[in-house]
């Protein structure tokens, strides 16, 4: 098992490796791919955001639904 080399990421299961950037976990790789970041080194140095738990996400979405209604 190899630790992800992204700043702030504690994932230990990394299936990808770069000789330049080190190991990256599937979660960080997916975020990098979705963001289309042009500077991989900036991404790897950026602090990984903690995911919002599902309950807080649902509460937040309900709150936003009250503000941005159909």
PDB file of N, CA and C in Angstrom:
ATOM      1  N   UNK A   1       0.830  -1.183   0.000  1.00  0.00           N
ATOM      2  CA  UNK A   1       0.000   0.000   0.000  1.00  0.00           C
ATOM      3  C   UNK A   1       0.878   1.251   0.000  1.00  0.00           C
ATOM      4  N   UNK A   2       0.484   2.190  -0.802  1.00  0.00           N
ATOM      5  CA  UNK A   2       1.224   3.446  -0.902  1.00  0.00           C
ATOM      6  C   UNK A   2       0.295   4.613  -0.598  1.00  0.00           C
ATOM      7  N   UNK A   3       0.780   5.570   0.177  1.00  0.00           N
ATOM      8  CA  UNK A   3       0.013   6.751   0.546  1.00  0.00           C
ATOM      9  C   UNK A   3      -0.049   7.722  -0.631  1.00  0.00           C
ATOM     10  N   UNK A   4      -1.204   8.350  -0.789  1.00  0.00           N
ATOM     11  CA  UNK A   4      -1.394   9.361  -1.821  1.00  0.00           C
ATOM     12  C   UNK A   4      -0.474  10.545  -1.527  1.00  0.00           C
ATOM     13  N   UNK A   5       0.157  11.074  -2.553  1.00  0.00           N
ATOM     14  CA  UNK A   5       1.088  12.187  -2.388  1.00  0.00           C
ATOM     15  C   UNK A   5       0.430  13.555  -2.458  1.00  0.00           C
ATOM     16  N   UNK A   6      -0.888  13.599  -2.594  1.00  0.00           N
ATOM     17  CA  UNK A   6      -1.562  14.893  -2.620  1.00  0.00           C
ATOM     18  C   UNK A   6      -1.608  15.469  -1.204  1.00  0.00           C
ATOM     19  N   UNK A   7      -1.395  16.748  -1.119  1.00  0.00           N
ATOM     20  CA  UNK A   7      -1.399  17.461   0.155  1.00  0.00           C
ATOM     21  C   UNK A   7      -2.739  17.272   0.862  1.00  0.00           C
ATOM     22  N   UNK A   8      -2.694  16.771   2.082  1.00  0.00           N
ATOM     23  CA  UNK A   8      -3.905  16.608   2.877  1.00  0.00           C
ATOM     24  C   UNK A   8      -4.677  15.329   2.643  1.00  0.00           C
ATOM     25  N   UNK A   9      -4.240  14.491   1.727  1.00  0.00           N
ATOM     26  CA  UNK A   9      -4.931  13.222   1.463  1.00  0.00           C
ATOM     27  C   UNK A   9      -4.273  12.115   2.274  1.00  0.00           C
ATOM     28  N   UNK A  10      -5.085  11.350   2.977  1.00  0.00           N
ATOM     29  CA  UNK A  10      -4.571  10.266   3.808  1.00  0.00           C
ATOM     30  C   UNK A  10      -4.893   8.889   3.241  1.00  0.00           C
ATOM     31  N   UNK A  11      -5.431   8.847   2.024  1.00  0.00           N
ATOM     32  CA  UNK A  11      -5.753   7.552   1.418  1.00  0.00           C
ATOM     33  C   UNK A  11      -4.487   6.728   1.234  1.00  0.00           C
ATOM     34  N   UNK A  12      -4.597   5.470   1.572  1.00  0.00           N
ATOM     35  CA  UNK A  12      -3.438   4.575   1.527  1.00  0.00           C
ATOM     36  C   UNK A  12      -3.469   3.617   0.337  1.00  0.00           C
ATOM     37  N   UNK A  13      -4.565   3.580  -0.386  1.00  0.00           N
ATOM     38  CA  UNK A  13      -4.675   2.643  -1.502  1.00  0.00           C
ATOM     39  C   UNK A  13      -4.560   3.433  -2.806  1.00  0.00           C
ATOM     40  N   UNK A  14      -3.371   3.444  -3.362  1.00  0.00           N
ATOM     41  CA  UNK A  14      -3.111   4.197  -4.590  1.00  0.00           C
ATOM     42  C   UNK A  14      -2.698   3.231  -5.696  1.00  0.00           C
ATOM     43  N   UNK A  15      -3.456   3.243  -6.770  1.00  0.00           N
ATOM     44  CA  UNK A  15      -3.166   2.330  -7.864  1.00  0.00           C
ATOM     45  C   UNK A  15      -2.504   3.025  -9.050  1.00  0.00           C
ATOM     46  N   UNK A  16      -2.201   4.297  -8.909  1.00  0.00           N
ATOM     47  CA  UNK A  16      -1.523   5.041  -9.980  1.00  0.00           C
ATOM     48  C   UNK A  16      -0.275   5.698  -9.414  1.00  0.00           C
ATOM     49  N   UNK A  17       0.742   5.787 -10.277  1.00  0.00           N
ATOM     50  CA  UNK A  17       2.013   6.356  -9.855  1.00  0.00           C
ATOM     51  C   UNK A  17       2.633   7.147 -10.988  1.00  0.00           C
ATOM     52  N   UNK A  18       3.229   8.272 -10.656  1.00  0.00           N
ATOM     53  CA  UNK A  18       3.973   9.086 -11.601  1.00  0.00           C
ATOM     54  C   UNK A  18       5.376   9.300 -11.033  1.00  0.00           C
ATOM     55  N   UNK A  19       6.396   9.149 -11.865  1.00  0.00           N
ATOM     56  CA  UNK A  19       7.753   9.387 -11.391  1.00  0.00           C
ATOM     57  C   UNK A  19       7.949  10.852 -11.017  1.00  0.00           C
ATOM     58  N   UNK A  20       7.136  11.724 -11.576  1.00  0.00           N
ATOM     59  CA  UNK A  20       7.256  13.160 -11.295  1.00  0.00           C
ATOM     60  C   UNK A  20       6.415  13.608 -10.092  1.00  0.00           C
ATOM     61  N   UNK A  21       5.197  13.050  -9.947  1.00  0.00           N
ATOM     62  CA  UNK A  21       4.262  13.526  -8.928  1.00  0.00           C
ATOM     63  C   UNK A  21       4.020  12.538  -7.786  1.00  0.00           C
ATOM     64  N   UNK A  22       4.433  11.317  -7.933  1.00  0.00           N
ATOM     65  CA  UNK A  22       4.247  10.315  -6.891  1.00  0.00           C
ATOM     66  C   UNK A  22       2.939   9.557  -7.050  1.00  0.00           C
ATOM     67  N   UNK A  23       2.452   9.007  -5.945  1.00  0.00           N
ATOM     68  CA  UNK A  23       1.238   8.203  -5.949  1.00  0.00           C
ATOM     69  C   UNK A  23      -0.002   9.087  -5.873  1.00  0.00           C
ATOM     70  N   UNK A  24      -1.091   8.602  -6.484  1.00  0.00           N
ATOM     71  CA  UNK A  24      -2.370   9.300  -6.416  1.00  0.00           C
ATOM     72  C   UNK A  24      -3.471   8.263  -6.252  1.00  0.00           C
ATOM     73  N   UNK A  25      -4.390   8.548  -5.325  1.00  0.00           N
ATOM     74  CA  UNK A  25      -5.490   7.619  -5.061  1.00  0.00           C
ATOM     75  C   UNK A  25      -6.593   7.814  -6.103  1.00  0.00           C
ATOM     76  N   UNK A  26      -7.486   6.853  -6.226  1.00  0.00           N
ATOM     77  CA  UNK A  26      -8.579   6.977  -7.202  1.00  0.00           C
ATOM     78  C   UNK A  26      -9.452   8.216  -6.976  1.00  0.00           C
ATOM     79  N   UNK A  27      -9.683   8.580  -5.728  1.00  0.00           N
ATOM     80  CA  UNK A  27     -10.504   9.747  -5.412  1.00  0.00           C
ATOM     81  C   UNK A  27      -9.868  11.041  -5.928  1.00  0.00           C
ATOM     82  N   UNK A  28      -8.586  11.212  -5.669  1.00  0.00           N
ATOM     83  CA  UNK A  28      -7.884  12.415  -6.133  1.00  0.00           C
ATOM     84  C   UNK A  28      -7.734  12.400  -7.654  1.00  0.00           C
ATOM     85  N   UNK A  29      -7.490  11.229  -8.214  1.00  0.00           N
ATOM     86  CA  UNK A  29      -7.357  11.129  -9.666  1.00  0.00           C
ATOM     87  C   UNK A  29      -8.657  11.544 -10.345  1.00  0.00           C
ATOM     88  N   UNK A  30      -9.793  11.094  -9.797  1.00  0.00           N
ATOM     89  CA  UNK A  30     -11.090  11.446 -10.367  1.00  0.00           C
ATOM     90  C   UNK A  30     -11.321  12.951 -10.284  1.00  0.00           C
ATOM     91  N   UNK A  31     -10.964  13.551  -9.145  1.00  0.00           N
ATOM     92  CA  UNK A  31     -11.108  15.000  -8.987  1.00  0.00           C
ATOM     93  C   UNK A  31     -10.226  15.746  -9.985  1.00  0.00           C
ATOM     94  N   UNK A  32      -9.007  15.276 -10.155  1.00  0.00           N
ATOM     95  CA  UNK A  32      -8.087  15.897 -11.109  1.00  0.00           C
ATOM     96  C   UNK A  32      -8.637  15.791 -12.525  1.00  0.00           C
ATOM     97  N   UNK A  33      -9.156  14.629 -12.877  1.00  0.00           N
ATOM     98  CA  UNK A  33      -9.692  14.413 -14.218  1.00  0.00           C
ATOM     99  C   UNK A  33     -10.923  15.284 -14.475  1.00  0.00           C
ATOM    100  N   UNK A  34     -11.792  15.422 -13.481  1.00  0.00           N
ATOM    101  CA  UNK A  34     -13.004  16.225 -13.634  1.00  0.00           C
ATOM    102  C   UNK A  34     -12.704  17.705 -13.736  1.00  0.00           C
ATOM    103  N   UNK A  35     -11.704  18.163 -12.992  1.00  0.00           N
ATOM    104  CA  UNK A  35     -11.376  19.589 -12.977  1.00  0.00           C
ATOM    105  C   UNK A  35     -10.625  20.045 -14.218  1.00  0.00           C
ATOM    106  N   UNK A  36      -9.996  19.131 -14.912  1.00  0.00           N
ATOM    107  CA  UNK A  36      -9.242  19.506 -16.099  1.00  0.00           C
ATOM    108  C   UNK A  36      -8.085  20.444 -15.774  1.00  0.00           C
ATOM    109  N   UNK A  37      -7.487  20.253 -14.633  1.00  0.00           N
ATOM    110  CA  UNK A  37      -6.386  21.100 -14.164  1.00  0.00           C
ATOM    111  C   UNK A  37      -5.197  21.016 -15.124  1.00  0.00           C
ATOM    112  N   UNK A  38      -4.694  22.156 -15.539  1.00  0.00           N
ATOM    113  CA  UNK A  38      -3.559  22.193 -16.455  1.00  0.00           C
ATOM    114  C   UNK A  38      -2.226  22.044 -15.734  1.00  0.00           C
ATOM    115  N   UNK A  39      -2.202  22.370 -14.453  1.00  0.00           N
ATOM    116  CA  UNK A  39      -0.967  22.321 -13.679  1.00  0.00           C
ATOM    117  C   UNK A  39      -1.091  21.243 -12.605  1.00  0.00           C
ATOM    118  N   UNK A  40      -0.645  20.055 -12.937  1.00  0.00           N
ATOM    119  CA  UNK A  40      -0.773  18.916 -12.034  1.00  0.00           C
ATOM    120  C   UNK A  40      -0.031  19.182 -10.731  1.00  0.00           C
ATOM    121  N   UNK A  41       1.117  19.829 -10.805  1.00  0.00           N
ATOM    122  CA  UNK A  41       1.876  20.102  -9.580  1.00  0.00           C
ATOM    123  C   UNK A  41       1.072  20.996  -8.632  1.00  0.00           C
ATOM    124  N   UNK A  42       0.333  21.971  -9.165  1.00  0.00           N
ATOM    125  CA  UNK A  42      -0.519  22.825  -8.325  1.00  0.00           C
ATOM    126  C   UNK A  42      -1.622  21.997  -7.674  1.00  0.00           C
ATOM    127  N   UNK A  43      -2.208  21.080  -8.437  1.00  0.00           N
ATOM    128  CA  UNK A  43      -3.258  20.222  -7.898  1.00  0.00           C
ATOM    129  C   UNK A  43      -2.710  19.353  -6.773  1.00  0.00           C
ATOM    130  N   UNK A  44      -1.560  18.740  -6.983  1.00  0.00           N
ATOM    131  CA  UNK A  44      -0.986  17.848  -5.979  1.00  0.00           C
ATOM    132  C   UNK A  44      -0.602  18.617  -4.706  1.00  0.00           C
ATOM    133  N   UNK A  45      -0.270  19.895  -4.839  1.00  0.00           N
ATOM    134  CA  UNK A  45       0.082  20.708  -3.684  1.00  0.00           C
ATOM    135  C   UNK A  45      -1.148  21.301  -3.004  1.00  0.00           C
ATOM    136  N   UNK A  46      -2.274  21.342  -3.733  1.00  0.00           N
ATOM    137  CA  UNK A  46      -3.486  21.918  -3.147  1.00  0.00           C
ATOM    138  C   UNK A  46      -4.004  21.022  -2.033  1.00  0.00           C
ATOM    139  N   UNK A  47      -4.561  21.630  -1.036  1.00  0.00           N
ATOM    140  CA  UNK A  47      -5.089  20.905   0.118  1.00  0.00           C
ATOM    141  C   UNK A  47      -6.375  20.191  -0.280  1.00  0.00           C
ATOM    142  N   UNK A  48      -6.416  18.900  -0.034  1.00  0.00           N
ATOM    143  CA  UNK A  48      -7.612  18.122  -0.352  1.00  0.00           C
ATOM    144  C   UNK A  48      -8.739  18.530   0.590  1.00  0.00           C
ATOM    145  N   UNK A  49      -9.900  18.797   0.018  1.00  0.00           N
ATOM    146  CA  UNK A  49     -11.058  19.168   0.820  1.00  0.00           C
ATOM    147  C   UNK A  49     -11.697  17.915   1.393  1.00  0.00           C
ATOM    148  N   UNK A  50     -12.145  18.031   2.622  1.00  0.00           N
ATOM    149  CA  UNK A  50     -12.834  16.917   3.243  1.00  0.00           C
ATOM    150  C   UNK A  50     -14.227  16.816   2.643  1.00  0.00           C
ATOM    151  N   UNK A  51     -14.664  15.613   2.296  1.00  0.00           N
ATOM    152  CA  UNK A  51     -16.005  15.478   1.727  1.00  0.00           C
ATOM    153  C   UNK A  51     -17.076  15.818   2.761  1.00  0.00           C
ATOM    154  N   UNK A  52     -18.159  16.410   2.294  1.00  0.00           N
ATOM    155  CA  UNK A  52     -19.283  16.734   3.160  1.00  0.00           C
ATOM    156  C   UNK A  52     -20.059  15.443   3.397  1.00  0.00           C
ATOM    157  N   UNK A  53     -20.391  15.168   4.657  1.00  0.00           N
ATOM    158  CA  UNK A  53     -21.134  13.939   4.897  1.00  0.00           C
ATOM    159  C   UNK A  53     -22.523  14.060   4.273  1.00  0.00           C
ATOM    160  N   UNK A  54     -23.149  12.917   3.988  1.00  0.00           N
ATOM    161  CA  UNK A  54     -24.402  12.890   3.235  1.00  0.00           C
ATOM    162  C   UNK A  54     -25.522  13.647   3.941  1.00  0.00           C
ATOM    163  N   UNK A  55     -25.594  13.562   5.266  1.00  0.00           N
ATOM    164  CA  UNK A  55     -26.649  14.246   6.005  1.00  0.00           C
ATOM    165  C   UNK A  55     -26.519  15.759   5.862  1.00  0.00           C
ATOM    166  N   UNK A  56     -25.303  16.262   6.002  1.00  0.00           N
ATOM    167  CA  UNK A  56     -25.087  17.695   5.844  1.00  0.00           C
ATOM    168  C   UNK A  56     -25.362  18.118   4.405  1.00  0.00           C
ATOM    169  N   UNK A  57     -24.994  17.278   3.440  1.00  0.00           N
ATOM    170  CA  UNK A  57     -25.228  17.584   2.030  1.00  0.00           C
ATOM    171  C   UNK A  57     -26.722  17.701   1.754  1.00  0.00           C
ATOM    172  N   UNK A  58     -27.505  16.757   2.303  1.00  0.00           N
ATOM    173  CA  UNK A  58     -28.951  16.770   2.097  1.00  0.00           C
ATOM    174  C   UNK A  58     -29.574  18.022   2.720  1.00  0.00           C
ATOM    175  N   UNK A  59     -29.140  18.380   3.923  1.00  0.00           N
ATOM    176  CA  UNK A  59     -29.636  19.583   4.599  1.00  0.00           C
ATOM    177  C   UNK A  59     -29.293  20.821   3.784  1.00  0.00           C
ATOM    178  N   UNK A  60     -28.083  20.876   3.296  1.00  0.00           N
ATOM    179  CA  UNK A  60     -27.631  22.014   2.481  1.00  0.00           C
ATOM    180  C   UNK A  60     -28.454  22.119   1.204  1.00  0.00           C
ATOM    181  N   UNK A  61     -28.700  20.990   0.542  1.00  0.00           N
ATOM    182  CA  UNK A  61     -29.486  20.998  -0.690  1.00  0.00           C
ATOM    183  C   UNK A  61     -30.917  21.467  -0.426  1.00  0.00           C
ATOM    184  N   UNK A  62     -31.517  21.045   0.685  1.00  0.00           N
ATOM    185  CA  UNK A  62     -32.871  21.500   1.035  1.00  0.00           C
ATOM    186  C   UNK A  62     -32.878  23.003   1.278  1.00  0.00           C
ATOM    187  N   UNK A  63     -31.872  23.493   1.960  1.00  0.00           N
ATOM    188  CA  UNK A  63     -31.747  24.924   2.200  1.00  0.00           C
ATOM    189  C   UNK A  63     -31.656  25.684   0.869  1.00  0.00           C
ATOM    190  N   UNK A  64     -30.810  25.199  -0.023  1.00  0.00           N
ATOM    191  CA  UNK A  64     -30.656  25.851  -1.321  1.00  0.00           C
ATOM    192  C   UNK A  64     -31.926  25.782  -2.156  1.00  0.00           C
ATOM    193  N   UNK A  65     -32.683  24.670  -2.033  1.00  0.00           N
ATOM    194  CA  UNK A  65     -33.943  24.539  -2.742  1.00  0.00           C
ATOM    195  C   UNK A  65     -34.929  25.634  -2.321  1.00  0.00           C
ATOM    196  N   UNK A  66     -34.849  26.044  -1.051  1.00  0.00           N
ATOM    197  CA  UNK A  66     -35.708  27.122  -0.559  1.00  0.00           C
ATOM    198  C   UNK A  66     -35.310  28.484  -1.104  1.00  0.00           C
ATOM    199  N   UNK A  67     -34.082  28.628  -1.494  1.00  0.00           N
ATOM    200  CA  UNK A  67     -33.591  29.903  -2.029  1.00  0.00           C
ATOM    201  C   UNK A  67     -33.710  29.924  -3.549  1.00  0.00           C
ATOM    202  N   UNK A  68     -33.271  28.858  -4.199  1.00  0.00           N
ATOM    203  CA  UNK A  68     -33.304  28.746  -5.654  1.00  0.00           C
ATOM    204  C   UNK A  68     -34.417  27.781  -6.032  1.00  0.00           C
ATOM    205  N   UNK A  69     -35.640  28.259  -6.080  1.00  0.00           N
ATOM    206  CA  UNK A  69     -36.769  27.381  -6.360  1.00  0.00           C
ATOM    207  C   UNK A  69     -37.099  27.383  -7.848  1.00  0.00           C
ATOM    208  N   UNK A  70     -37.903  26.399  -8.248  1.00  0.00           N
ATOM    209  CA  UNK A  70     -38.309  26.253  -9.656  1.00  0.00           C
ATOM    210  C   UNK A  70     -39.384  27.232 -10.009  1.00  0.00           C
TER     211      UNK A  70
END
